[in-house]
């Protein structure tokens, strides 16, 4: 691809956290293929990362020579007025910088991106990080969100799904092409020695004031209703075991409500909110169990990342987590993520068995190397195949 014919691709997402956590490899892949990559997102309201990391992301993009654009995406579905403004911002970027293709992420990013691509007559790829509607999910979500996705699927050149259930559902959507990739890529680091793992475990547990005979539960994720930390707290209260400790790594608007609930349940001495952590290795090695029972989740990176670190987990059977919690050697699945009694029983079962997650060859498909290879092929097929 010559400099004169170099195509410009806009990676579009609602929040800066979606770029930082899920798209840095995509940016690198596109640059290696010879594209000029632009990023459009909300850096001022960065989502699940703190503002300082949003600034770090800007600095990183500058070093990579990747132009970036502030797009005033709201959280959630927004309003008609706000979304019109955002659509205009995206169209302006496309026009001013000669963007020839978009790779959109997040529900609203996908809708705005497809509206913009349709209006400006350019190519659009959309990665669904978990449809709003899913097998076993509320009927209301199917009635509201499936028709919306069906409508915008007509304006989608290629749809990328990250779990098997969504890929099967995509067969009923009028998209031109559909792909399945196993998540966004996980680093399988096998170089950490057993001694180092134990050292990190001991150091982290000491820092968290967790004794050797205490059982540490962890959850990694945004403090939101969707992540469902409330049910975990209620399950711990049901177990009434002071040897159980629970820490949550993440930030979000539900923090004050969770602090209040912790107090109401009398769990102040057992539960700790850690805020956002950049390095999770120590926490994973310190943990005895990873509890990840989000109400809705495309794949559940916080769950898969823990599994790769050897942490036994409890996940939601109605999400993409079942793509990697293949058997009881890896973890347990709950049928109803908001049933604190069922969750308490699963936690007790995990405590009794004291298991570590045992990985098998099937887990290797989630590796960063494999996902990058699949995305490279998708980009080649989709962005090299049009004029």
Protein backbone atom coordinates (compact mmCIF):
# COMPACT_ATOMS: atom_id res chain seq x y z
CA UNK A 1 0.00 0.00 0.00
CA UNK A 2 1.64 3.24 -1.15
CA UNK A 3 1.58 6.41 0.91
CA UNK A 4 -0.71 8.06 -1.64
CA UNK A 5 -3.26 5.25 -1.45
CA UNK A 6 -2.96 4.68 2.29
CA UNK A 7 -6.41 4.18 3.75
CA UNK A 8 -7.41 5.75 7.03
CA UNK A 9 -9.28 3.68 9.60
CA UNK A 10 -11.14 5.15 12.58
CA UNK A 11 -11.38 2.99 15.69
CA UNK A 12 -14.49 4.26 17.45
CA UNK A 13 -15.65 3.48 20.99
CA UNK A 14 -17.84 5.11 23.60
CA UNK A 15 -15.14 5.31 26.28
CA UNK A 16 -11.37 5.64 26.44
CA UNK A 17 -11.32 2.51 28.60
CA UNK A 18 -12.65 0.50 25.64
CA UNK A 19 -9.69 1.71 23.60
CA UNK A 20 -7.09 1.17 26.33
CA UNK A 21 -8.29 -2.25 27.42
CA UNK A 22 -9.43 -3.84 24.17
CA UNK A 23 -8.01 -2.04 21.12
CA UNK A 24 -4.32 -1.29 21.47
CA UNK A 25 -3.41 -4.49 19.64
CA UNK A 26 -5.95 -3.67 16.90
CA UNK A 27 -4.27 -0.30 16.42
CA UNK A 28 -0.87 -1.98 16.11
CA UNK A 29 -2.20 -4.58 13.65
CA UNK A 30 -3.72 -1.92 11.39
CA UNK A 31 -0.52 0.15 11.45
CA UNK A 32 1.56 -2.92 10.55
CA UNK A 33 -0.79 -3.52 7.60
CA UNK A 34 -0.01 -0.01 6.39
CA UNK A 35 -3.16 1.87 7.42
CA UNK A 36 -3.24 5.29 9.03
CA UNK A 37 -5.18 4.72 12.24
CA UNK A 38 -7.32 7.33 14.00
CA UNK A 39 -9.04 6.93 17.38
CA UNK A 40 -12.36 8.52 18.30
CA UNK A 41 -13.67 8.23 21.86
CA UNK A 42 -14.56 10.14 25.01
CA UNK A 43 -11.27 10.90 26.73
CA UNK A 44 -12.90 13.34 29.20
CA UNK A 45 -15.28 10.71 30.61
CA UNK A 46 -13.08 7.64 30.16
CA UNK A 47 -15.34 4.96 31.61
CA UNK A 48 -13.81 2.20 33.73
CA UNK A 49 -10.33 3.75 33.93
CA UNK A 50 -9.41 6.84 35.99
CA UNK A 51 -8.68 10.18 34.33
CA UNK A 52 -4.91 9.87 34.77
CA UNK A 53 -4.90 6.68 32.69
CA UNK A 54 -6.96 8.42 30.03
CA UNK A 55 -4.20 11.03 29.86
CA UNK A 56 -1.63 8.24 29.66
CA UNK A 57 -3.59 6.77 26.74
CA UNK A 58 -3.37 10.11 24.92
CA UNK A 59 0.40 10.17 25.52
CA UNK A 60 0.71 6.61 24.19
CA UNK A 61 -1.29 7.44 21.05
CA UNK A 62 0.97 10.45 20.49
CA UNK A 63 4.07 8.22 20.69
CA UNK A 64 2.45 5.81 18.22
CA UNK A 65 1.67 8.71 15.84
CA UNK A 66 -2.03 7.87 16.06
CA UNK A 67 -4.32 10.92 15.65
CA UNK A 68 -7.09 11.00 18.27
CA UNK A 69 -10.39 12.84 18.44
CA UNK A 70 -12.59 13.77 21.41
CA UNK A 71 -16.09 12.46 20.77
CA UNK A 72 -18.60 13.44 23.46
CA UNK A 73 -20.23 10.02 23.84
CA UNK A 74 -22.57 9.72 26.85
CA UNK A 75 -22.67 6.59 29.00
CA UNK A 76 -25.72 4.44 28.33
CA UNK A 77 -28.02 5.10 25.38
CA UNK A 78 -27.88 8.89 25.57
CA UNK A 79 -30.61 11.25 24.33
CA UNK A 80 -31.69 12.20 20.82
CA UNK A 81 -30.08 15.63 21.15
CA UNK A 82 -26.77 14.32 22.52
CA UNK A 83 -26.58 11.49 19.99
CA UNK A 84 -27.19 13.89 17.10
CA UNK A 85 -24.26 15.97 18.34
CA UNK A 86 -22.05 12.86 18.59
CA UNK A 87 -23.05 11.71 15.11
CA UNK A 88 -22.13 15.13 13.73
CA UNK A 89 -18.73 14.96 15.48
CA UNK A 90 -17.98 11.54 13.97
CA UNK A 91 -19.07 12.63 10.48
CA UNK A 92 -16.86 15.72 10.77
CA UNK A 93 -13.83 13.54 11.61
CA UNK A 94 -14.61 11.29 8.63
CA UNK A 95 -14.91 14.28 6.28
CA UNK A 96 -11.97 16.32 7.56
CA UNK A 97 -9.48 13.44 7.71
CA UNK A 98 -10.61 11.34 4.75
CA UNK A 99 -11.55 8.30 6.83
CA UNK A 100 -12.31 5.32 4.58
CA UNK A 101 -13.35 2.74 7.16
CA UNK A 102 -14.54 2.40 10.77
CA UNK A 103 -14.08 -0.34 13.34
CA UNK A 104 -16.70 0.42 16.00
CA UNK A 105 -17.06 -0.93 19.54
CA UNK A 106 -19.63 -0.75 22.38
CA UNK A 107 -23.42 -0.61 21.78
CA UNK A 108 -23.78 3.15 21.29
CA UNK A 109 -20.44 3.35 19.48
CA UNK A 110 -21.74 0.67 17.14
CA UNK A 111 -24.98 2.52 16.45
CA UNK A 112 -23.37 5.94 15.92
CA UNK A 113 -20.56 4.39 13.90
CA UNK A 114 -22.98 2.62 11.58
CA UNK A 115 -25.14 5.70 11.15
CA UNK A 116 -22.04 7.72 10.28
CA UNK A 117 -20.68 5.10 7.90
CA UNK A 118 -24.04 4.81 6.13
CA UNK A 119 -24.35 8.58 5.82
CA UNK A 120 -20.78 9.05 4.60
CA UNK A 121 -20.80 5.89 2.47
CA UNK A 122 -17.73 4.22 3.98
CA UNK A 123 -16.97 0.72 5.26
CA UNK A 124 -17.98 -0.30 8.80
CA UNK A 125 -16.94 -3.21 11.03
CA UNK A 126 -18.65 -3.63 14.38
CA UNK A 127 -17.38 -5.76 17.27
CA UNK A 128 -20.18 -6.72 19.66
CA UNK A 129 -18.63 -7.13 23.11
CA UNK A 130 -21.78 -8.98 24.18
CA UNK A 131 -25.22 -8.24 22.75
CA UNK A 132 -27.70 -6.49 25.07
CA UNK A 133 -29.97 -9.49 24.42
CA UNK A 134 -28.73 -13.03 25.07
CA UNK A 135 -29.89 -16.58 25.67
CA UNK A 136 -31.41 -16.76 29.15
CA UNK A 137 -31.61 -12.95 29.38
CA UNK A 138 -34.72 -10.84 30.07
CA UNK A 139 -37.47 -10.99 27.41
CA UNK A 140 -37.68 -7.20 27.65
CA UNK A 141 -34.10 -6.88 26.34
CA UNK A 142 -34.96 -9.05 23.34
CA UNK A 143 -38.05 -6.97 22.59
CA UNK A 144 -36.13 -3.68 22.83
CA UNK A 145 -32.60 -4.37 21.63
CA UNK A 146 -32.91 -7.19 19.08
CA UNK A 147 -34.99 -5.04 16.65
CA UNK A 148 -32.46 -2.20 17.05
CA UNK A 149 -29.55 -4.51 16.24
CA UNK A 150 -31.47 -6.04 13.35
CA UNK A 151 -32.09 -2.56 11.89
CA UNK A 152 -28.45 -1.47 12.13
CA UNK A 153 -27.18 -4.86 10.94
CA UNK A 154 -28.38 -3.80 7.47
CA UNK A 155 -25.72 -1.08 7.58
CA UNK A 156 -22.98 -3.40 8.87
CA UNK A 157 -20.39 -4.68 6.40
CA UNK A 158 -18.97 -7.15 8.92
CA UNK A 159 -20.02 -8.12 12.45
CA UNK A 160 -17.46 -9.57 14.87
CA UNK A 161 -18.69 -11.50 17.92
CA UNK A 162 -16.55 -12.64 20.84
CA UNK A 163 -18.62 -15.54 22.17
CA UNK A 164 -20.34 -18.52 20.60
CA UNK A 165 -23.90 -17.61 21.64
CA UNK A 166 -23.67 -14.17 20.00
CA UNK A 167 -22.24 -15.75 16.85
CA UNK A 168 -25.23 -18.10 16.63
CA UNK A 169 -27.64 -15.19 17.14
CA UNK A 170 -25.83 -13.19 14.45
CA UNK A 171 -27.04 -15.71 11.88
CA UNK A 172 -30.49 -14.13 12.23
CA UNK A 173 -29.17 -10.62 11.54
CA UNK A 174 -28.95 -9.22 7.99
CA UNK A 175 -25.21 -8.48 8.05
CA UNK A 176 -23.03 -8.97 4.98
CA UNK A 177 -20.40 -11.04 6.80
CA UNK A 178 -19.97 -12.34 10.34
CA UNK A 179 -16.92 -13.54 12.26
CA UNK A 180 -16.22 -15.16 15.61
CA UNK A 181 -13.03 -14.42 17.54
CA UNK A 182 -12.38 -15.84 21.04
CA UNK A 183 -12.30 -12.59 23.01
CA UNK A 184 -9.80 -9.78 22.73
CA UNK A 185 -6.67 -11.78 23.53
CA UNK A 186 -5.07 -12.89 26.79
CA UNK A 187 -1.37 -13.02 27.58
CA UNK A 188 -0.45 -16.56 28.63
CA UNK A 189 2.67 -15.75 30.61
CA UNK A 190 4.26 -19.04 31.64
CA UNK A 191 7.53 -17.45 32.71
CA UNK A 192 6.46 -16.64 36.28
CA UNK A 193 8.12 -19.15 38.59
CA UNK A 194 6.30 -20.98 41.38
CA UNK A 195 8.52 -19.17 43.87
CA UNK A 196 7.60 -15.76 42.41
CA UNK A 197 3.89 -16.61 42.44
CA UNK A 198 4.07 -17.56 46.11
CA UNK A 199 6.07 -14.42 46.86
CA UNK A 200 3.44 -12.23 45.19
CA UNK A 201 0.67 -14.12 46.95
CA UNK A 202 2.23 -13.64 50.38
CA UNK A 203 3.08 -9.97 49.77
CA UNK A 204 -0.41 -9.12 48.48
CA UNK A 205 -2.26 -10.99 51.21
CA UNK A 206 -0.15 -9.23 53.84
CA UNK A 207 -0.91 -5.86 52.23
CA UNK A 208 -4.62 -6.70 52.30
CA UNK A 209 -4.42 -8.00 55.90
CA UNK A 210 -5.57 -11.47 54.83
CA UNK A 211 -4.26 -14.25 57.07
CA UNK A 212 -2.98 -17.58 55.81
CA UNK A 213 -6.04 -19.44 57.14
CA UNK A 214 -8.52 -17.00 55.58
CA UNK A 215 -10.25 -17.55 52.23
CA UNK A 216 -9.89 -14.66 49.79
CA UNK A 217 -12.56 -13.94 47.19
CA UNK A 218 -11.90 -11.36 44.50
CA UNK A 219 -13.89 -9.58 41.81
CA UNK A 220 -12.36 -7.43 39.09
CA UNK A 221 -14.60 -4.98 37.29
CA UNK A 222 -16.49 -1.72 37.24
CA UNK A 223 -18.62 -0.88 40.29
CA UNK A 224 -21.91 -1.07 38.41
CA UNK A 225 -25.23 -2.86 38.67
CA UNK A 226 -24.31 -4.97 35.65
CA UNK A 227 -21.21 -6.33 37.37
CA UNK A 228 -23.50 -7.46 40.20
CA UNK A 229 -21.18 -7.16 43.21
CA UNK A 230 -24.28 -6.82 45.39
CA UNK A 231 -25.21 -10.49 45.01
CA UNK A 232 -21.69 -11.52 46.04
CA UNK A 233 -21.98 -9.42 49.20
CA UNK A 234 -25.35 -10.95 50.06
CA UNK A 235 -23.99 -14.46 49.46
CA UNK A 236 -21.07 -13.80 51.82
CA UNK A 237 -23.48 -12.51 54.45
CA UNK A 238 -25.52 -15.73 54.08
CA UNK A 239 -22.43 -17.87 54.67
CA UNK A 240 -21.76 -16.04 57.96
CA UNK A 241 -18.10 -17.08 57.99
CA UNK A 242 -15.60 -14.49 59.25
CA UNK A 243 -12.76 -16.43 57.61
CA UNK A 244 -14.05 -15.24 54.23
CA UNK A 245 -12.49 -12.03 52.93
CA UNK A 246 -13.62 -10.26 49.75
CA UNK A 247 -11.93 -7.52 47.73
CA UNK A 248 -13.20 -5.71 44.63
CA UNK A 249 -10.87 -4.01 42.14
CA UNK A 250 -12.62 -1.35 40.10
CA UNK A 251 -14.22 2.09 40.06
CA UNK A 252 -17.76 3.18 39.24
CA UNK A 253 -20.88 5.05 40.20
CA UNK A 254 -22.17 2.25 42.47
CA UNK A 255 -19.37 2.76 45.00
CA UNK A 256 -21.41 4.66 47.59
CA UNK A 257 -24.32 2.22 47.38
CA UNK A 258 -21.98 -0.75 47.82
CA UNK A 259 -20.30 0.89 50.84
CA UNK A 260 -23.75 1.37 52.38
CA UNK A 261 -24.70 -2.26 51.70
CA UNK A 262 -21.45 -3.53 53.19
CA UNK A 263 -22.31 -1.64 56.37
CA UNK A 264 -25.91 -2.87 56.42
CA UNK A 265 -24.75 -6.49 56.08
CA UNK A 266 -22.12 -6.06 58.79
CA UNK A 267 -19.26 -6.96 56.46
CA UNK A 268 -16.97 -3.99 57.13
CA UNK A 269 -14.21 -6.27 58.48
CA UNK A 270 -14.48 -8.71 55.58
CA UNK A 271 -14.83 -6.55 52.47
CA UNK A 272 -12.48 -4.03 50.90
CA UNK A 273 -12.92 -1.83 47.81
CA UNK A 274 -9.50 -1.40 46.21
CA UNK A 275 -10.29 1.11 43.47
CA UNK A 276 -8.69 0.75 40.04
CA UNK A 277 -5.56 -1.44 39.86
CA UNK A 278 -3.24 -1.37 36.86
CA UNK A 279 -1.29 -4.49 37.86
CA UNK A 280 -3.53 -7.39 38.86
CA UNK A 281 -0.94 -10.18 39.02
CA UNK A 282 -0.48 -9.99 42.78
CA UNK A 283 -4.24 -9.96 43.37
CA UNK A 284 -4.82 -13.02 41.19
CA UNK A 285 -2.06 -15.00 42.89
CA UNK A 286 -3.34 -13.94 46.32
CA UNK A 287 -6.89 -15.07 45.58
CA UNK A 288 -8.48 -18.38 46.46
CA UNK A 289 -11.56 -17.78 44.31
CA UNK A 290 -12.57 -15.33 41.58
CA UNK A 291 -16.29 -14.50 41.73
CA UNK A 292 -17.44 -12.98 38.44
CA UNK A 293 -21.24 -13.11 38.23
CA UNK A 294 -22.07 -10.17 35.95
CA UNK A 295 -25.69 -10.02 34.84
CA UNK A 296 -24.52 -9.54 31.25
CA UNK A 297 -21.05 -10.14 29.84
CA UNK A 298 -19.69 -10.71 26.34
CA UNK A 299 -16.86 -12.92 27.55
CA UNK A 300 -15.76 -11.64 30.94
CA UNK A 301 -12.12 -10.64 30.61
CA UNK A 302 -11.73 -10.37 34.39
CA UNK A 303 -12.81 -13.99 34.67
CA UNK A 304 -10.67 -15.34 31.84
CA UNK A 305 -7.63 -13.39 33.01
CA UNK A 306 -8.03 -14.95 36.46
CA UNK A 307 -8.35 -18.45 34.99
CA UNK A 308 -5.10 -17.97 33.05
CA UNK A 309 -3.46 -17.03 36.37
CA UNK A 310 -4.74 -20.31 37.83
CA UNK A 311 -7.57 -18.87 39.93
CA UNK A 312 -10.65 -21.06 40.29
CA UNK A 313 -13.79 -19.07 39.49
CA UNK A 314 -17.55 -18.82 39.68
CA UNK A 315 -19.25 -17.33 36.60
CA UNK A 316 -22.66 -16.74 35.05
CA UNK A 317 -23.89 -19.60 32.83
CA UNK A 318 -25.93 -17.16 30.70
CA UNK A 319 -22.86 -15.29 29.42
CA UNK A 320 -19.82 -15.95 27.25
CA UNK A 321 -18.04 -17.25 30.36
CA UNK A 322 -19.26 -20.73 29.52
CA UNK A 323 -16.97 -20.59 26.47
CA UNK A 324 -14.00 -21.05 28.83
CA UNK A 325 -15.51 -22.49 32.03
CA UNK A 326 -15.76 -25.80 30.23
CA UNK A 327 -15.82 -28.05 33.30
CA UNK A 328 -15.54 -28.11 37.09
CA UNK A 329 -11.75 -28.21 36.86
CA UNK A 330 -11.82 -24.58 35.70
CA UNK A 331 -14.77 -23.21 37.65
CA UNK A 332 -18.45 -23.33 38.50
CA UNK A 333 -21.42 -21.67 36.80
CA UNK A 334 -24.52 -20.23 38.42
CA UNK A 335 -27.86 -20.36 36.59
CA UNK A 336 -29.25 -17.22 38.22
CA UNK A 337 -26.62 -14.53 38.90
CA UNK A 338 -28.89 -12.59 41.29
CA UNK A 339 -29.73 -15.63 43.49
CA UNK A 340 -27.52 -15.08 46.53
CA UNK A 341 -28.49 -18.48 47.95
CA UNK A 342 -27.30 -20.35 44.85
CA UNK A 343 -24.11 -18.29 44.80
CA UNK A 344 -23.48 -18.97 48.51
CA UNK A 345 -23.76 -22.70 47.83
CA UNK A 346 -21.27 -22.46 44.95
CA UNK A 347 -18.82 -20.46 47.09
CA UNK A 348 -19.07 -23.07 49.86
CA UNK A 349 -18.50 -25.86 47.33
CA UNK A 350 -15.40 -24.10 46.00
CA UNK A 351 -14.12 -23.54 49.54
CA UNK A 352 -14.56 -27.22 50.39
CA UNK A 353 -12.65 -28.39 47.30
CA UNK A 354 -9.87 -25.75 47.46
CA UNK A 355 -9.23 -26.03 43.74
CA UNK A 356 -6.94 -24.24 41.33
CA UNK A 357 -8.05 -23.72 37.74
CA UNK A 358 -6.64 -26.47 35.53
CA UNK A 359 -6.10 -25.21 31.98
CA UNK A 360 -6.48 -27.37 28.89
CA UNK A 361 -5.56 -26.94 25.22
CA UNK A 362 -8.97 -25.45 24.40
CA UNK A 363 -8.12 -22.37 26.48
CA UNK A 364 -5.18 -21.62 24.17
CA UNK A 365 -7.53 -20.26 21.51
CA UNK A 366 -8.05 -17.20 23.74
CA UNK A 367 -4.35 -16.28 23.54
CA UNK A 368 -3.30 -12.86 22.31
CA UNK A 369 -1.28 -14.50 19.54
CA UNK A 370 -4.30 -16.38 18.17
CA UNK A 371 -6.72 -13.44 18.44
CA UNK A 372 -4.22 -11.09 16.76
CA UNK A 373 -3.82 -13.58 13.91
CA UNK A 374 -7.59 -13.78 13.41
CA UNK A 375 -8.00 -9.99 13.54
CA UNK A 376 -5.18 -9.53 11.03
CA UNK A 377 -6.99 -11.80 8.59
CA UNK A 378 -10.30 -9.99 9.15
CA UNK A 379 -8.70 -6.58 8.55
CA UNK A 380 -7.00 -7.85 5.40
CA UNK A 381 -10.24 -9.25 4.03
CA UNK A 382 -12.44 -6.30 4.98
CA UNK A 383 -10.24 -3.23 4.52
CA UNK A 384 -8.10 -4.38 1.58
CA UNK A 385 -11.06 -5.67 -0.41
CA UNK A 386 -12.77 -2.41 -1.27
CA UNK A 387 -11.91 0.76 -3.11
